[in-house]
Amino acid sequence: MFRALAVLRVVLIANTVGLTVFRFDNFTHRGLGLTVVAVMVLWTAVAIWAYDDQRRRVPALLVADLAIAFGALVSTPLVKGDGFNATVPGFWIAGALMAWAIHWRWAGALVAATVLSATDLLIRPNITQTNYGHVFLLMIAGPIVGYMCGSLQRMAAERDRAERAAAIAEERARLARAVHDGVLQVLALTQRKAPELGGEGAELGRLAGEQEQALRSLIRQQDTLQTPESAVADLGGVLERLGNRKPPVVSVVTPGVAVDLPQPEVAEITAAVGACLDNVAVHVGEDARAWVLLEDLGDRIVVSVRDEGPGIPEGRLEAADADGRLGVSESIRGRIRDLGGTAELFSTPGTGTEWEFTIPRLPLGSSS
């Protein structure tokens, strides 16, 4: 959307420059007029560059965008004198209005349109029907574009979830077939043959039988699992329950308010944290201490899992992936990646290990 707006900005500034050249005699103070137009050209280039990266789309940028459009409007009586018909920026102010509509949806567009429209009317000595028509279009077009942008984002998020669910279901079916053809048959064979070994063979057969039943039950549950997309859960409350588990000894710190997320996301994040804690128990010790920290930053959730173990030697995880041991890459990184987030590992030998999960937070109900 912001790339499309960049094209619109180029068209609008070209229109403004063209009108300035052909109607330059309308300027009472030509030097000031050229300065205002030059600022508009410069800001157009800066805005196209700034809005191109999501990290730079901070509120200060949008406020500055609207402020410059406001300043260009206010300069009109100084540049053109009394009795002017068209403002200096003309339709160029629509760039700032559309930016607010894309970023803050219909509410932001309504605020920006109100500021620009009120300014346009207040600086005029006389208000004609044409002026009123232009202002009316601003007040209508901005919120409509903002509403459409919100709808497009919700549809895109819904499409992404549907594609992800379809991919997960397909992979689940493939794994179920592989497990049935391989692991389950081996467990069944072990259950039948192990008692013939005598002694500990009977115990081995019993354990193999239990694991076979548990694995078959898990596959059936996954085939019939249907979690409503609208169901939500408090991630903080779920993570706090991990403080009751042993091993290892876990301390959980969460915000003082509920951190509501869709139930499937809560389940995946909790599973990734649980995998981290399992690694602490196995590689550091059952009496080891671990800390889980949950932060709600509004547009994203950050979960940190830290221990004071010996750390992970450089290259260990890459070697594990190469050997086919996918515990970290799939149980931890894979889960967070499927949620559209990132999983960063900070570890050096002797200083412990810390995982930091950053998951983008979509508005609840965006799939409805």
Protein backbone atom coordinates (compact mmCIF):
# COMPACT_ATOMS: atom_id res chain seq x y z
CA MET A 1 0.00 0.00 0.00
CA PHE A 2 2.82 2.40 0.81
CA ARG A 3 4.51 1.52 -2.48
CA ALA A 4 1.33 2.45 -4.31
CA LEU A 5 1.25 5.66 -2.27
CA ALA A 6 4.82 6.39 -3.40
CA VAL A 7 3.63 6.37 -7.02
CA LEU A 8 0.72 8.64 -6.08
CA ARG A 9 3.11 11.07 -4.38
CA VAL A 10 5.20 11.33 -7.54
CA VAL A 11 2.08 12.06 -9.60
CA LEU A 12 0.87 14.66 -7.09
CA ILE A 13 4.18 16.52 -6.85
CA ALA A 14 4.52 16.49 -10.66
CA ASN A 15 1.06 18.04 -10.87
CA THR A 16 1.97 20.69 -8.29
CA VAL A 17 5.24 21.59 -10.02
CA GLY A 18 3.50 21.77 -13.38
CA LEU A 19 0.79 24.09 -12.07
CA THR A 20 3.44 26.24 -10.39
CA VAL A 21 5.30 26.67 -13.68
CA PHE A 22 2.19 27.48 -15.73
CA ARG A 23 0.62 29.77 -13.11
CA PHE A 24 3.73 31.33 -11.66
CA ASP A 25 2.25 34.78 -12.21
CA ASN A 26 -0.30 34.00 -9.47
CA PHE A 27 2.49 34.16 -6.89
CA THR A 28 2.76 37.51 -5.14
CA HIS A 29 5.99 36.48 -3.38
CA ARG A 30 7.69 34.28 -5.93
CA GLY A 31 10.81 33.57 -3.91
CA LEU A 32 8.78 32.27 -0.97
CA GLY A 33 6.58 30.31 -3.35
CA LEU A 34 9.56 28.56 -4.94
CA THR A 35 10.92 27.78 -1.49
CA VAL A 36 7.63 26.15 -0.43
CA VAL A 37 7.46 24.08 -3.62
CA ALA A 38 11.12 23.04 -3.18
CA VAL A 39 10.36 21.88 0.37
CA MET A 40 7.43 19.87 -0.98
CA VAL A 41 9.63 18.22 -3.61
CA LEU A 42 12.29 17.41 -1.03
CA TRP A 43 9.76 16.02 1.44
CA THR A 44 8.20 13.88 -1.29
CA ALA A 45 11.56 12.19 -1.85
CA VAL A 46 12.15 11.79 1.90
CA ALA A 47 8.65 10.41 2.48
CA ILE A 48 8.97 7.84 -0.31
CA TRP A 49 12.24 6.62 1.22
CA ALA A 50 10.99 6.69 4.83
CA TYR A 51 7.71 4.88 4.25
CA ASP A 52 9.42 2.15 2.23
CA ASP A 53 10.74 0.45 5.40
CA GLN A 54 8.25 -0.63 8.06
CA ARG A 55 10.76 0.12 10.83
CA ARG A 56 10.74 3.81 9.86
CA ARG A 57 6.93 4.13 9.89
CA VAL A 58 6.79 5.53 13.39
CA PRO A 59 4.15 8.03 14.61
CA ALA A 60 6.68 10.87 14.41
CA LEU A 61 7.02 10.33 10.65
CA LEU A 62 3.28 10.53 10.07
CA VAL A 63 2.94 13.60 12.29
CA ALA A 64 5.77 15.29 10.38
CA ASP A 65 4.08 14.36 7.09
CA LEU A 66 0.83 15.97 8.17
CA ALA A 67 2.62 18.99 9.66
CA ILE A 68 4.41 19.73 6.39
CA ALA A 69 1.13 19.46 4.46
CA PHE A 70 -0.41 21.81 7.02
CA GLY A 71 2.49 24.25 6.67
CA ALA A 72 2.22 24.25 2.88
CA LEU A 73 -1.48 25.12 3.14
CA VAL A 74 -0.88 27.89 5.68
CA SER A 75 1.79 29.45 3.44
CA THR A 76 -0.73 30.10 0.67
CA PRO A 77 -1.95 33.57 1.83
CA LEU A 78 1.69 34.66 2.18
CA VAL A 79 2.71 33.36 -1.23
CA LYS A 80 -0.36 34.32 -3.26
CA GLY A 81 -1.78 37.19 -1.26
CA ASP A 82 -5.45 37.90 -0.62
CA GLY A 83 -8.10 36.64 -2.99
CA PHE A 84 -6.29 33.47 -4.05
CA ASN A 85 -8.30 30.65 -5.55
CA ALA A 86 -6.09 27.56 -5.37
CA THR A 87 -3.69 26.73 -2.54
CA VAL A 88 0.03 26.28 -3.14
CA PRO A 89 0.13 22.51 -2.47
CA GLY A 90 -3.21 21.78 -4.13
CA PHE A 91 -3.89 18.04 -4.24
CA TRP A 92 -0.39 17.30 -2.92
CA ILE A 93 -1.78 17.21 0.64
CA ALA A 94 -3.56 13.95 -0.26
CA GLY A 95 -0.23 12.15 0.18
CA ALA A 96 -0.21 12.80 3.93
CA LEU A 97 -3.92 12.00 4.18
CA MET A 98 -3.48 8.62 2.46
CA ALA A 99 -0.49 7.80 4.68
CA TRP A 100 -2.64 8.30 7.77
CA ALA A 101 -5.41 6.24 6.18
CA ILE A 102 -3.07 3.32 5.45
CA HIS A 103 -1.34 3.38 8.81
CA TRP A 104 -4.18 4.30 11.19
CA ARG A 105 -7.12 3.19 9.08
CA TRP A 106 -10.38 5.17 8.97
CA ALA A 107 -9.89 6.84 12.36
CA GLY A 108 -6.48 8.24 11.41
CA ALA A 109 -7.81 9.33 8.03
CA LEU A 110 -10.69 11.16 9.70
CA VAL A 111 -8.29 13.07 11.95
CA ALA A 112 -5.95 14.02 9.09
CA ALA A 113 -8.84 14.99 6.81
CA THR A 114 -10.34 17.18 9.53
CA VAL A 115 -7.05 19.01 10.13
CA LEU A 116 -6.41 19.61 6.43
CA SER A 117 -9.99 20.53 5.59
CA ALA A 118 -10.35 22.96 8.49
CA THR A 119 -7.04 24.60 7.58
CA ASP A 120 -8.05 24.94 3.94
CA LEU A 121 -11.32 26.63 4.87
CA LEU A 122 -9.87 28.91 7.56
CA ILE A 123 -7.16 30.43 5.37
CA ARG A 124 -9.63 31.47 2.65
CA PRO A 125 -11.22 34.93 2.73
CA ASN A 126 -14.20 33.53 0.81
CA ILE A 127 -15.46 29.95 0.56
CA THR A 128 -16.96 28.97 -2.78
CA GLN A 129 -18.97 25.90 -3.64
CA THR A 130 -15.91 24.49 -5.42
CA ASN A 131 -13.83 24.86 -2.26
CA TYR A 132 -16.55 23.17 -0.25
CA GLY A 133 -16.68 20.32 -2.78
CA HIS A 134 -12.94 19.71 -2.50
CA VAL A 135 -13.09 19.66 1.30
CA PHE A 136 -16.10 17.35 1.23
CA LEU A 137 -14.17 14.90 -0.99
CA LEU A 138 -11.25 14.93 1.45
CA MET A 139 -13.54 14.15 4.38
CA ILE A 140 -15.19 11.28 2.50
CA ALA A 141 -12.25 9.78 0.58
CA GLY A 142 -9.83 9.56 3.51
CA PRO A 143 -11.97 7.44 5.86
CA ILE A 144 -13.14 5.25 2.97
CA VAL A 145 -9.56 4.48 1.97
CA GLY A 146 -8.70 3.85 5.62
CA TYR A 147 -11.60 1.44 6.01
CA MET A 148 -10.61 -0.42 2.85
CA CYS A 149 -6.99 -0.69 4.05
CA GLY A 150 -8.16 -2.25 7.31
CA SER A 151 -10.35 -4.72 5.42
CA LEU A 152 -7.49 -5.67 3.10
CA GLN A 153 -5.18 -6.31 6.04
CA ARG A 154 -7.76 -8.52 7.74
CA MET A 155 -8.31 -10.49 4.54
CA ALA A 156 -4.55 -10.91 4.04
CA ALA A 157 -4.13 -12.15 7.62
CA GLU A 158 -7.05 -14.55 7.17
CA ARG A 159 -5.57 -15.85 3.91
CA ASP A 160 -2.17 -16.38 5.55
CA ARG A 161 -3.75 -18.33 8.41
CA ALA A 162 -5.75 -20.47 6.00
CA GLU A 163 -2.65 -21.25 3.93
CA ARG A 164 -0.67 -22.04 7.07
CA ALA A 165 -3.44 -24.29 8.39
CA ALA A 166 -3.63 -26.13 5.06
CA ALA A 167 0.13 -26.62 5.00
CA ILE A 168 0.12 -27.87 8.60
CA ALA A 169 -2.72 -30.30 7.86
CA GLU A 170 -0.90 -31.63 4.79
CA GLU A 171 2.35 -32.07 6.69
CA ARG A 172 0.49 -33.70 9.59
CA ALA A 173 -1.04 -36.25 7.21
CA ARG A 174 2.34 -36.98 5.63
CA LEU A 175 4.01 -37.45 9.01
CA ALA A 176 1.14 -39.66 10.18
CA ARG A 177 1.69 -41.93 7.20
CA ALA A 178 5.43 -42.02 7.80
CA VAL A 179 4.97 -42.76 11.49
CA HIS A 180 2.43 -45.49 10.75
CA ASP A 181 4.63 -47.14 8.15
CA GLY A 182 7.79 -46.94 10.26
CA VAL A 183 7.75 -46.16 13.95
CA LEU A 184 4.40 -47.78 14.81
CA GLN A 185 5.27 -51.02 13.03
CA VAL A 186 8.63 -51.20 14.80
CA LEU A 187 6.98 -50.60 18.18
CA ALA A 188 4.38 -53.27 17.47
CA LEU A 189 7.09 -55.72 16.44
CA THR A 190 9.10 -54.92 19.58
CA GLN A 191 6.02 -55.47 21.73
CA ARG A 192 5.52 -58.95 20.24
CA LYS A 193 9.12 -60.12 20.12
CA ALA A 194 10.67 -58.56 23.23
CA PRO A 195 9.04 -60.97 25.75
CA GLU A 196 10.81 -63.83 23.98
CA LEU A 197 14.12 -62.40 25.19
CA GLY A 198 13.11 -63.00 28.82
CA GLY A 199 14.18 -60.87 31.78
CA GLU A 200 14.13 -57.18 30.86
CA GLY A 201 12.67 -58.06 27.47
CA ALA A 202 9.19 -58.27 28.95
CA GLU A 203 9.51 -54.78 30.41
CA LEU A 204 10.82 -53.52 27.08
CA GLY A 205 7.83 -55.05 25.32
CA ARG A 206 5.42 -53.47 27.77
CA LEU A 207 6.99 -50.01 27.30
CA ALA A 208 6.92 -50.43 23.52
CA GLY A 209 3.22 -51.30 23.71
CA GLU A 210 2.47 -48.22 25.83
CA GLN A 211 4.33 -45.95 23.46
CA GLU A 212 2.57 -47.47 20.46
CA GLN A 213 -0.83 -46.77 21.99
CA ALA A 214 0.19 -43.26 23.01
CA LEU A 215 1.48 -42.49 19.53
CA ARG A 216 -1.65 -43.84 17.84
CA SER A 217 -3.78 -41.77 20.21
CA LEU A 218 -1.76 -38.65 19.41
CA ILE A 219 -2.21 -39.18 15.67
CA ARG A 220 -5.97 -39.60 16.10
CA GLN A 221 -6.15 -36.46 18.22
CA GLN A 222 -4.24 -34.45 15.65
CA ASP A 223 -6.53 -35.67 12.87
CA THR A 224 -9.63 -34.52 14.76
CA LEU A 225 -8.20 -31.39 16.40
CA GLN A 226 -10.28 -28.30 15.59
CA THR A 227 -9.47 -25.22 17.61
CA PRO A 228 -11.78 -22.25 16.98
CA GLU A 229 -9.80 -19.39 15.52
CA SER A 230 -11.82 -17.00 17.66
CA ALA A 231 -10.83 -18.72 20.94
CA VAL A 232 -8.38 -16.67 22.99
CA ALA A 233 -6.26 -17.44 26.03
CA ASP A 234 -4.07 -15.49 28.43
CA LEU A 235 -0.50 -16.32 27.46
CA GLY A 236 0.76 -15.01 30.80
CA GLY A 237 -1.51 -17.33 32.77
CA VAL A 238 -0.50 -20.34 30.70
CA LEU A 239 3.21 -19.59 31.07
CA GLU A 240 2.82 -19.07 34.81
CA ARG A 241 1.70 -22.68 35.11
CA LEU A 242 5.11 -23.70 33.85
CA GLY A 243 6.46 -22.44 37.17
CA ASN A 244 4.96 -25.56 38.78
CA ARG A 245 6.92 -27.97 36.64
CA LYS A 246 10.06 -29.79 37.67
CA PRO A 247 12.63 -30.30 36.34
CA PRO A 248 14.05 -27.72 35.96
CA VAL A 249 13.22 -25.14 38.64
CA VAL A 250 11.36 -22.41 36.73
CA SER A 251 10.63 -18.80 37.68
CA VAL A 252 8.05 -17.04 35.49
CA VAL A 253 7.60 -13.26 35.25
CA THR A 254 4.59 -11.89 33.35
CA PRO A 255 2.84 -8.49 33.03
CA GLY A 256 0.26 -7.57 35.62
CA VAL A 257 -2.52 -7.74 33.01
CA ALA A 258 -3.78 -10.48 30.73
CA VAL A 259 -1.94 -11.01 27.45
CA ASP A 260 -4.76 -12.38 25.30
CA LEU A 261 -3.80 -14.17 22.09
CA PRO A 262 -5.55 -16.67 19.82
CA GLN A 263 -5.56 -20.13 21.42
CA PRO A 264 -3.45 -21.77 18.66
CA GLU A 265 -0.71 -19.14 19.10
CA VAL A 266 -0.69 -19.58 22.87
CA ALA A 267 -0.33 -23.35 22.44
CA GLU A 268 2.59 -23.00 20.01
CA ILE A 269 4.44 -20.40 22.09
CA THR A 270 3.99 -22.49 25.25
CA ALA A 271 5.23 -25.59 23.43
CA ALA A 272 8.35 -23.72 22.26
CA VAL A 273 9.04 -22.50 25.81
CA GLY A 274 8.49 -26.02 27.10
CA ALA A 275 11.04 -27.36 24.60
CA CYS A 276 13.56 -24.82 25.89
CA LEU A 277 12.94 -25.92 29.48
CA ASP A 278 13.27 -29.58 28.48
CA ASN A 279 16.69 -28.78 27.05
CA VAL A 280 17.65 -27.09 30.32
CA ALA A 281 16.66 -30.19 32.31
CA VAL A 282 18.57 -32.52 29.97
CA HIS A 283 21.72 -30.52 29.32
CA VAL A 284 22.09 -28.46 32.52
CA GLY A 285 20.51 -30.72 35.13
CA GLU A 286 17.21 -31.46 36.81
CA ASP A 287 18.03 -29.07 39.66
CA ALA A 288 19.02 -26.26 37.30
CA ARG A 289 17.22 -22.91 37.47
CA ALA A 290 15.53 -21.29 34.50
CA TRP A 291 13.71 -17.99 34.06
CA VAL A 292 10.82 -17.17 31.71
CA LEU A 293 9.99 -13.51 31.01
CA LEU A 294 6.93 -12.35 29.06
CA GLU A 295 6.72 -8.78 27.69
CA ASP A 296 3.71 -7.26 25.93
CA LEU A 297 4.98 -4.46 23.66
CA GLY A 298 1.64 -3.75 22.02
CA ASP A 299 2.36 -4.69 18.42
CA ARG A 300 4.49 -7.69 19.40
CA ILE A 301 5.05 -10.22 22.16
CA VAL A 302 8.54 -11.00 23.48
CA VAL A 303 9.21 -14.17 25.47
CA SER A 304 12.66 -14.85 26.95
CA VAL A 305 13.86 -18.16 28.40
CA ARG A 306 17.19 -18.03 30.26
CA ASP A 307 19.33 -20.44 32.26
CA GLU A 308 22.72 -20.33 33.96
CA GLY A 309 24.12 -23.47 32.41
CA PRO A 310 27.42 -24.00 30.60
CA GLY A 311 26.08 -22.51 27.37
CA ILE A 312 26.03 -23.99 23.89
CA PRO A 313 29.37 -24.40 22.08
CA GLU A 314 29.59 -22.66 18.72
CA GLY A 315 28.48 -24.91 15.88
CA ARG A 316 26.64 -27.39 18.10
CA LEU A 317 23.16 -26.58 16.73
CA GLU A 318 24.34 -26.61 13.13
CA ALA A 319 25.93 -30.02 13.68
CA ALA A 320 22.71 -31.32 15.25
CA ASP A 321 20.71 -30.16 12.22
CA ALA A 322 23.19 -31.83 9.89
CA ASP A 323 22.85 -35.11 11.85
CA GLY A 324 19.05 -34.96 11.57
CA ARG A 325 18.40 -34.01 15.21
CA LEU A 326 15.75 -31.34 14.70
CA GLY A 327 14.74 -30.58 18.28
CA VAL A 328 15.90 -26.96 18.25
CA SER A 329 15.25 -26.17 14.60
CA GLU A 330 11.69 -27.51 14.59
CA SER A 331 10.42 -27.68 18.19
CA ILE A 332 11.66 -24.17 18.93
CA ARG A 333 12.58 -22.16 15.85
CA GLY A 334 10.04 -23.89 13.62
CA ARG A 335 7.13 -23.11 15.91
CA ILE A 336 8.02 -19.43 16.25
CA ARG A 337 8.70 -19.12 12.53
CA ASP A 338 5.25 -20.55 11.74
CA LEU A 339 3.75 -17.74 13.85
CA GLY A 340 5.59 -15.16 11.75
CA GLY A 341 8.08 -14.42 14.53
CA THR A 342 11.79 -14.80 15.17
CA ALA A 343 13.71 -16.94 17.66
CA GLU A 344 17.14 -15.59 18.61
CA LEU A 345 19.69 -17.56 20.63
CA PHE A 346 22.26 -15.84 22.85
CA SER A 347 24.79 -18.25 24.28
CA THR A 348 28.50 -18.50 24.88
CA PRO A 349 30.27 -21.25 26.82
CA GLY A 350 30.21 -20.56 30.54
CA THR A 351 27.62 -17.77 30.53
CA GLY A 352 24.36 -19.66 30.14
CA THR A 353 21.81 -19.66 27.36
CA GLU A 354 18.96 -17.30 26.52
CA TRP A 355 16.25 -17.70 23.90
CA GLU A 356 14.29 -14.63 22.84
CA PHE A 357 11.06 -15.10 20.89
CA THR A 358 9.50 -12.10 19.15
CA ILE A 359 6.01 -12.71 17.77
CA PRO A 360 3.96 -10.04 15.94
CA ARG A 361 0.60 -9.41 17.56
CA LEU A 362 -2.43 -9.08 15.30
CA PRO A 363 -5.65 -7.52 16.60
CA LEU A 364 -7.96 -10.10 18.14
CA GLY A 365 -10.85 -10.96 15.92
CA SER A 366 -9.01 -9.92 12.75
CA SER A 367 -9.96 -13.22 11.14
CA SER A 368 -13.71 -12.67 11.63
